[in-house]
Amino acid sequence: MRPPPAPVRAKAPWRIGLGARAHKAGHAAEWLAAAWLMAKGYQVLGFRLKSRAGEIDLLARRGGVLAVVEVKRRATLDQALTALSETQKARLLAAGRAVARNRPSLKTLSLRLDMVALAPGRFPRHVRGLSQDTLRRS
């Protein structure tokens, strides 16, 4: 027999406020990144797509490339550019493969991992091909 679950402590009001602000800031950063990519000729196919492998911030297409785009917003561009680990890259590519596998129109595209780095007072920086999946899906 299992012991009864521990009581759940309610979060302090100041912590709830921080989480809500971070969530809104994340949404705003993703919309800004999407607008930046559209201005560069990308077609944004989806926001916050979930799969068993993980969550994709933005899924975009340009020509024969399907870009899994991770959006990072930090205090400086350098912090944003270094915020993605190799484990996260592998998880994002796996999520991109899973999404493409379920959509016939995306199966023929080459998968690529991109990042849009954002910092206050700076233009967004789009980094293409963080980890290249050169195999074309059949």
N, C-alpha and C. Protein backbone atom coordinates (compact mmCIF):
# COMPACT_ATOMS: atom_id res chain seq x y z
N MET A 1 0.85 -1.18 0.00
CA MET A 1 0.00 0.00 0.00
C MET A 1 0.90 1.24 0.00
N ARG A 2 0.54 2.19 -0.81
CA ARG A 2 1.33 3.42 -0.92
C ARG A 2 0.99 4.38 0.20
N PRO A 3 2.00 5.14 0.62
CA PRO A 3 1.70 6.19 1.61
C PRO A 3 0.89 7.31 0.94
N PRO A 4 0.14 8.04 1.72
CA PRO A 4 -0.65 9.14 1.14
C PRO A 4 0.29 10.20 0.55
N PRO A 5 -0.14 10.87 -0.50
CA PRO A 5 0.72 11.90 -1.11
C PRO A 5 0.94 13.07 -0.15
N ALA A 6 2.11 13.67 -0.31
CA ALA A 6 2.44 14.83 0.52
C ALA A 6 1.53 15.99 0.13
N PRO A 7 1.17 16.81 1.10
CA PRO A 7 0.32 17.96 0.76
C PRO A 7 1.06 18.93 -0.16
N VAL A 8 0.34 19.51 -1.08
CA VAL A 8 0.93 20.45 -2.03
C VAL A 8 0.87 21.85 -1.43
N ARG A 9 2.05 22.46 -1.37
CA ARG A 9 2.09 23.84 -0.86
C ARG A 9 1.73 24.80 -1.97
N ALA A 10 0.94 25.76 -1.63
CA ALA A 10 0.58 26.79 -2.61
C ALA A 10 1.79 27.68 -2.86
N LYS A 11 1.93 28.11 -4.11
CA LYS A 11 3.04 29.00 -4.44
C LYS A 11 2.76 30.38 -3.86
N ALA A 12 3.84 31.02 -3.48
CA ALA A 12 3.74 32.40 -2.99
C ALA A 12 3.28 33.29 -4.14
N PRO A 13 2.48 34.31 -3.84
CA PRO A 13 1.97 35.18 -4.91
C PRO A 13 3.07 35.81 -5.77
N TRP A 14 4.21 36.14 -5.18
CA TRP A 14 5.27 36.75 -5.97
C TRP A 14 5.85 35.76 -6.97
N ARG A 15 5.85 34.45 -6.64
CA ARG A 15 6.35 33.43 -7.57
C ARG A 15 5.37 33.23 -8.72
N ILE A 16 4.09 33.30 -8.43
CA ILE A 16 3.08 33.16 -9.48
C ILE A 16 3.23 34.31 -10.47
N GLY A 17 3.44 35.51 -9.96
CA GLY A 17 3.63 36.68 -10.83
C GLY A 17 4.84 36.54 -11.73
N LEU A 18 5.95 36.00 -11.20
CA LEU A 18 7.15 35.82 -12.00
C LEU A 18 6.90 34.82 -13.13
N GLY A 19 6.22 33.74 -12.82
CA GLY A 19 5.93 32.73 -13.83
C GLY A 19 5.04 33.26 -14.93
N ALA A 20 4.04 34.04 -14.57
CA ALA A 20 3.14 34.61 -15.56
C ALA A 20 3.88 35.60 -16.47
N ARG A 21 4.76 36.40 -15.88
CA ARG A 21 5.53 37.36 -16.69
C ARG A 21 6.47 36.63 -17.64
N ALA A 22 7.13 35.58 -17.15
CA ALA A 22 8.04 34.82 -18.00
C ALA A 22 7.28 34.15 -19.14
N HIS A 23 6.10 33.63 -18.85
CA HIS A 23 5.28 32.98 -19.86
C HIS A 23 4.88 33.98 -20.95
N LYS A 24 4.44 35.17 -20.55
CA LYS A 24 4.06 36.21 -21.51
C LYS A 24 5.27 36.68 -22.32
N ALA A 25 6.41 36.83 -21.65
CA ALA A 25 7.62 37.25 -22.35
C ALA A 25 8.04 36.20 -23.38
N GLY A 26 7.87 34.92 -23.03
CA GLY A 26 8.19 33.84 -23.97
C GLY A 26 7.31 33.89 -25.20
N HIS A 27 6.01 34.12 -24.99
CA HIS A 27 5.09 34.24 -26.12
C HIS A 27 5.46 35.43 -27.00
N ALA A 28 5.76 36.54 -26.38
CA ALA A 28 6.13 37.75 -27.13
C ALA A 28 7.40 37.51 -27.94
N ALA A 29 8.37 36.83 -27.35
CA ALA A 29 9.62 36.54 -28.05
C ALA A 29 9.36 35.64 -29.26
N GLU A 30 8.48 34.67 -29.11
CA GLU A 30 8.17 33.77 -30.22
C GLU A 30 7.46 34.51 -31.35
N TRP A 31 6.56 35.42 -31.02
CA TRP A 31 5.88 36.20 -32.05
C TRP A 31 6.87 37.12 -32.78
N LEU A 32 7.78 37.71 -32.04
CA LEU A 32 8.79 38.57 -32.66
C LEU A 32 9.69 37.75 -33.59
N ALA A 33 10.09 36.57 -33.12
CA ALA A 33 10.93 35.69 -33.95
C ALA A 33 10.17 35.26 -35.21
N ALA A 34 8.88 34.95 -35.07
CA ALA A 34 8.08 34.56 -36.23
C ALA A 34 8.00 35.70 -37.25
N ALA A 35 7.79 36.91 -36.77
CA ALA A 35 7.73 38.07 -37.67
C ALA A 35 9.07 38.27 -38.38
N TRP A 36 10.16 38.09 -37.65
CA TRP A 36 11.50 38.23 -38.22
C TRP A 36 11.72 37.19 -39.32
N LEU A 37 11.32 35.95 -39.05
CA LEU A 37 11.49 34.89 -40.05
C LEU A 37 10.61 35.13 -41.28
N MET A 38 9.38 35.59 -41.07
CA MET A 38 8.50 35.87 -42.20
C MET A 38 9.07 37.00 -43.07
N ALA A 39 9.69 37.99 -42.43
CA ALA A 39 10.32 39.08 -43.19
C ALA A 39 11.49 38.55 -44.02
N LYS A 40 12.09 37.44 -43.59
CA LYS A 40 13.20 36.83 -44.32
C LYS A 40 12.73 35.80 -45.34
N GLY A 41 11.41 35.64 -45.49
CA GLY A 41 10.88 34.75 -46.51
C GLY A 41 10.46 33.38 -46.04
N TYR A 42 10.44 33.14 -44.74
CA TYR A 42 10.00 31.85 -44.22
C TYR A 42 8.48 31.83 -44.07
N GLN A 43 7.91 30.65 -44.21
CA GLN A 43 6.49 30.44 -43.95
C GLN A 43 6.41 29.74 -42.59
N VAL A 44 5.80 30.38 -41.62
CA VAL A 44 5.68 29.80 -40.28
C VAL A 44 4.51 28.83 -40.30
N LEU A 45 4.80 27.56 -39.97
CA LEU A 45 3.79 26.50 -40.03
C LEU A 45 3.14 26.23 -38.68
N GLY A 46 3.83 26.58 -37.59
CA GLY A 46 3.25 26.30 -36.29
C GLY A 46 4.03 26.89 -35.14
N PHE A 47 3.32 27.10 -34.03
CA PHE A 47 3.88 27.60 -32.78
C PHE A 47 3.73 26.53 -31.72
N ARG A 48 4.72 26.39 -30.87
CA ARG A 48 4.65 25.51 -29.70
C ARG A 48 4.04 24.15 -30.00
N LEU A 49 4.63 23.47 -30.96
CA LEU A 49 4.17 22.14 -31.34
C LEU A 49 4.76 21.12 -30.37
N LYS A 50 3.90 20.26 -29.86
CA LYS A 50 4.33 19.28 -28.87
C LYS A 50 4.39 17.89 -29.49
N SER A 51 5.44 17.16 -29.12
CA SER A 51 5.56 15.76 -29.48
C SER A 51 6.15 15.04 -28.28
N ARG A 52 6.25 13.73 -28.38
CA ARG A 52 6.84 12.99 -27.26
C ARG A 52 8.29 13.36 -27.02
N ALA A 53 8.97 13.76 -28.09
CA ALA A 53 10.38 14.12 -27.98
C ALA A 53 10.59 15.49 -27.34
N GLY A 54 9.62 16.38 -27.44
CA GLY A 54 9.78 17.71 -26.87
C GLY A 54 8.86 18.71 -27.55
N GLU A 55 9.06 19.97 -27.21
CA GLU A 55 8.23 21.05 -27.75
C GLU A 55 9.05 21.89 -28.71
N ILE A 56 8.47 22.19 -29.86
CA ILE A 56 9.10 23.03 -30.87
C ILE A 56 8.52 24.43 -30.74
N ASP A 57 9.38 25.43 -30.56
CA ASP A 57 8.89 26.81 -30.45
C ASP A 57 8.23 27.26 -31.75
N LEU A 58 8.96 27.12 -32.87
CA LEU A 58 8.44 27.50 -34.18
C LEU A 58 8.82 26.45 -35.20
N LEU A 59 7.92 26.16 -36.10
CA LEU A 59 8.21 25.29 -37.23
C LEU A 59 8.02 26.16 -38.47
N ALA A 60 9.07 26.28 -39.27
CA ALA A 60 9.02 27.17 -40.43
C ALA A 60 9.55 26.46 -41.66
N ARG A 61 9.12 26.95 -42.81
CA ARG A 61 9.53 26.35 -44.08
C ARG A 61 10.00 27.44 -45.02
N ARG A 62 11.07 27.13 -45.74
CA ARG A 62 11.55 28.03 -46.79
C ARG A 62 12.21 27.17 -47.85
N GLY A 63 11.63 27.17 -49.04
CA GLY A 63 12.14 26.31 -50.11
C GLY A 63 12.00 24.86 -49.71
N GLY A 64 13.09 24.10 -49.83
CA GLY A 64 13.09 22.69 -49.50
C GLY A 64 13.54 22.38 -48.09
N VAL A 65 13.53 23.40 -47.23
CA VAL A 65 14.02 23.24 -45.85
C VAL A 65 12.88 23.39 -44.85
N LEU A 66 12.81 22.45 -43.94
CA LEU A 66 11.90 22.53 -42.81
C LEU A 66 12.74 22.88 -41.59
N ALA A 67 12.55 24.06 -41.04
CA ALA A 67 13.36 24.55 -39.93
C ALA A 67 12.61 24.39 -38.60
N VAL A 68 13.25 23.69 -37.69
CA VAL A 68 12.78 23.62 -36.30
C VAL A 68 13.50 24.77 -35.61
N VAL A 69 12.75 25.76 -35.17
CA VAL A 69 13.35 26.99 -34.65
C VAL A 69 13.15 27.08 -33.15
N GLU A 70 14.25 27.19 -32.44
CA GLU A 70 14.23 27.41 -30.99
C GLU A 70 14.44 28.90 -30.76
N VAL A 71 13.60 29.50 -29.94
CA VAL A 71 13.68 30.93 -29.65
C VAL A 71 14.25 31.09 -28.24
N LYS A 72 15.32 31.87 -28.13
CA LYS A 72 15.93 32.13 -26.83
C LYS A 72 16.00 33.63 -26.61
N ARG A 73 15.45 34.07 -25.49
CA ARG A 73 15.47 35.48 -25.11
C ARG A 73 16.24 35.58 -23.80
N ARG A 74 17.31 36.34 -23.82
CA ARG A 74 18.15 36.51 -22.64
C ARG A 74 18.55 37.98 -22.52
N ALA A 75 19.28 38.30 -21.48
CA ALA A 75 19.71 39.68 -21.24
C ALA A 75 20.68 40.16 -22.31
N THR A 76 21.51 39.25 -22.84
CA THR A 76 22.45 39.61 -23.90
C THR A 76 22.34 38.58 -25.02
N LEU A 77 22.77 38.97 -26.21
CA LEU A 77 22.76 38.03 -27.33
C LEU A 77 23.70 36.86 -27.09
N ASP A 78 24.85 37.12 -26.46
CA ASP A 78 25.80 36.04 -26.18
C ASP A 78 25.17 34.98 -25.27
N GLN A 79 24.44 35.41 -24.26
CA GLN A 79 23.77 34.46 -23.38
C GLN A 79 22.72 33.66 -24.14
N ALA A 80 21.99 34.33 -25.01
CA ALA A 80 20.96 33.64 -25.78
C ALA A 80 21.58 32.62 -26.74
N LEU A 81 22.70 33.00 -27.36
CA LEU A 81 23.33 32.11 -28.33
C LEU A 81 23.94 30.87 -27.70
N THR A 82 24.29 30.95 -26.43
CA THR A 82 24.91 29.79 -25.75
C THR A 82 23.93 29.04 -24.87
N ALA A 83 22.66 29.34 -24.96
CA ALA A 83 21.67 28.77 -24.05
C ALA A 83 21.15 27.39 -24.48
N LEU A 84 21.59 26.87 -25.61
CA LEU A 84 21.07 25.61 -26.12
C LEU A 84 22.14 24.53 -26.00
N SER A 85 21.84 23.48 -25.24
CA SER A 85 22.80 22.39 -25.04
C SER A 85 22.69 21.36 -26.17
N GLU A 86 23.68 20.48 -26.26
CA GLU A 86 23.66 19.42 -27.27
C GLU A 86 22.48 18.49 -27.05
N THR A 87 22.14 18.22 -25.78
CA THR A 87 21.00 17.37 -25.47
C THR A 87 19.71 18.00 -25.98
N GLN A 88 19.56 19.30 -25.76
CA GLN A 88 18.37 20.00 -26.25
C GLN A 88 18.30 19.98 -27.77
N LYS A 89 19.47 20.14 -28.42
CA LYS A 89 19.50 20.10 -29.89
C LYS A 89 19.01 18.75 -30.40
N ALA A 90 19.50 17.68 -29.79
CA ALA A 90 19.09 16.33 -30.21
C ALA A 90 17.59 16.13 -29.98
N ARG A 91 17.09 16.62 -28.86
CA ARG A 91 15.67 16.49 -28.55
C ARG A 91 14.81 17.28 -29.55
N LEU A 92 15.26 18.47 -29.91
CA LEU A 92 14.52 19.28 -30.88
C LEU A 92 14.50 18.63 -32.26
N LEU A 93 15.63 18.07 -32.68
CA LEU A 93 15.66 17.39 -33.97
C LEU A 93 14.74 16.17 -33.96
N ALA A 94 14.72 15.43 -32.86
CA ALA A 94 13.82 14.28 -32.75
C ALA A 94 12.37 14.73 -32.81
N ALA A 95 12.06 15.84 -32.16
CA ALA A 95 10.69 16.38 -32.21
C ALA A 95 10.33 16.81 -33.63
N GLY A 96 11.28 17.42 -34.32
CA GLY A 96 11.05 17.82 -35.71
C GLY A 96 10.80 16.63 -36.62
N ARG A 97 11.58 15.56 -36.42
CA ARG A 97 11.36 14.34 -37.20
C ARG A 97 9.97 13.76 -36.94
N ALA A 98 9.55 13.77 -35.67
CA ALA A 98 8.25 13.22 -35.31
C ALA A 98 7.12 14.03 -35.95
N VAL A 99 7.23 15.34 -35.93
CA VAL A 99 6.19 16.18 -36.53
C VAL A 99 6.14 15.96 -38.04
N ALA A 100 7.32 15.91 -38.68
CA ALA A 100 7.37 15.73 -40.14
C ALA A 100 6.85 14.36 -40.55
N ARG A 101 7.11 13.36 -39.74
CA ARG A 101 6.67 12.00 -40.05
C ARG A 101 5.14 11.91 -40.12
N ASN A 102 4.45 12.73 -39.33
CA ASN A 102 2.99 12.69 -39.27
C ASN A 102 2.31 13.59 -40.30
N ARG A 103 3.10 14.32 -41.07
CA ARG A 103 2.53 15.24 -42.06
C ARG A 103 3.12 14.94 -43.43
N PRO A 104 2.34 14.33 -44.30
CA PRO A 104 2.86 13.91 -45.61
C PRO A 104 3.50 15.04 -46.42
N SER A 105 2.99 16.24 -46.33
CA SER A 105 3.53 17.34 -47.13
C SER A 105 4.92 17.78 -46.67
N LEU A 106 5.34 17.36 -45.47
CA LEU A 106 6.64 17.76 -44.94
C LEU A 106 7.70 16.69 -45.09
N LYS A 107 7.31 15.50 -45.50
CA LYS A 107 8.24 14.37 -45.52
C LYS A 107 9.41 14.56 -46.49
N THR A 108 9.22 15.30 -47.56
CA THR A 108 10.27 15.44 -48.57
C THR A 108 11.24 16.58 -48.26
N LEU A 109 10.98 17.36 -47.23
CA LEU A 109 11.83 18.51 -46.90
C LEU A 109 13.03 18.08 -46.07
N SER A 110 14.12 18.81 -46.21
CA SER A 110 15.31 18.58 -45.38
C SER A 110 15.09 19.25 -44.03
N LEU A 111 15.38 18.53 -42.97
CA LEU A 111 15.19 19.06 -41.62
C LEU A 111 16.43 19.80 -41.16
N ARG A 112 16.22 20.96 -40.55
CA ARG A 112 17.34 21.77 -40.05
C ARG A 112 16.95 22.40 -38.72
N LEU A 113 17.91 22.51 -37.83
CA LEU A 113 17.68 23.15 -36.53
C LEU A 113 18.24 24.56 -36.57
N ASP A 114 17.37 25.53 -36.32
CA ASP A 114 17.75 26.95 -36.29
C ASP A 114 17.47 27.53 -34.91
N MET A 115 18.02 28.69 -34.66
CA MET A 115 17.72 29.41 -33.43
C MET A 115 17.57 30.89 -33.75
N VAL A 116 16.63 31.53 -33.07
CA VAL A 116 16.52 32.99 -33.12
C VAL A 116 16.85 33.47 -31.71
N ALA A 117 17.91 34.24 -31.61
CA ALA A 117 18.36 34.78 -30.32
C ALA A 117 17.87 36.22 -30.20
N LEU A 118 17.30 36.53 -29.04
CA LEU A 118 16.74 37.86 -28.79
C LEU A 118 17.33 38.45 -27.52
N ALA A 119 17.57 39.74 -27.55
CA ALA A 119 18.04 40.47 -26.37
C ALA A 119 17.45 41.88 -26.44
N PRO A 120 17.18 42.48 -25.28
CA PRO A 120 16.60 43.83 -25.26
C PRO A 120 17.50 44.83 -26.00
N GLY A 121 16.87 45.65 -26.85
CA GLY A 121 17.59 46.70 -27.54
C GLY A 121 18.44 46.23 -28.70
N ARG A 122 18.34 44.97 -29.10
CA ARG A 122 19.14 44.42 -30.20
C ARG A 122 18.22 43.81 -31.25
N PHE A 123 18.68 43.81 -32.48
CA PHE A 123 17.93 43.12 -33.52
C PHE A 123 18.03 41.62 -33.28
N PRO A 124 17.00 40.86 -33.64
CA PRO A 124 17.07 39.41 -33.50
C PRO A 124 18.20 38.84 -34.36
N ARG A 125 18.76 37.75 -33.92
CA ARG A 125 19.82 37.08 -34.68
C ARG A 125 19.35 35.66 -35.02
N HIS A 126 19.28 35.38 -36.31
CA HIS A 126 18.84 34.07 -36.79
C HIS A 126 20.09 33.24 -37.11
N VAL A 127 20.25 32.13 -36.40
CA VAL A 127 21.38 31.23 -36.63
C VAL A 127 20.82 29.98 -37.29
N ARG A 128 21.30 29.71 -38.50
CA ARG A 128 20.81 28.56 -39.27
C ARG A 128 21.74 27.36 -39.11
N GLY A 129 21.14 26.18 -39.10
CA GLY A 129 21.91 24.94 -39.15
C GLY A 129 22.73 24.65 -37.91
N LEU A 130 22.13 24.75 -36.74
CA LEU A 130 22.87 24.44 -35.50
C LEU A 130 23.31 22.98 -35.48
N SER A 131 22.45 22.13 -35.97
CA SER A 131 22.76 20.71 -36.04
C SER A 131 22.04 20.19 -37.26
N GLN A 132 22.80 19.84 -38.28
CA GLN A 132 22.21 19.53 -39.58
C GLN A 132 21.80 18.07 -39.69
N ASP A 133 20.57 17.85 -40.08
CA ASP A 133 20.11 16.51 -40.41
C ASP A 133 20.13 16.41 -41.92
N THR A 134 21.20 15.89 -42.47
CA THR A 134 21.39 15.92 -43.92
C THR A 134 20.64 14.80 -44.63
N LEU A 135 20.12 13.85 -43.90
CA LEU A 135 19.39 12.76 -44.54
C LEU A 135 18.01 13.23 -44.95
N ARG A 136 17.68 13.00 -46.19
CA ARG A 136 16.31 13.32 -46.65
C ARG A 136 15.42 12.16 -46.30
N ARG A 137 14.24 12.48 -45.81
CA ARG A 137 13.29 11.44 -45.46
C ARG A 137 12.65 10.87 -46.71
N SER A 138 12.37 9.60 -46.67
CA SER A 138 11.69 8.99 -47.83
C SER A 138 10.29 8.55 -47.46
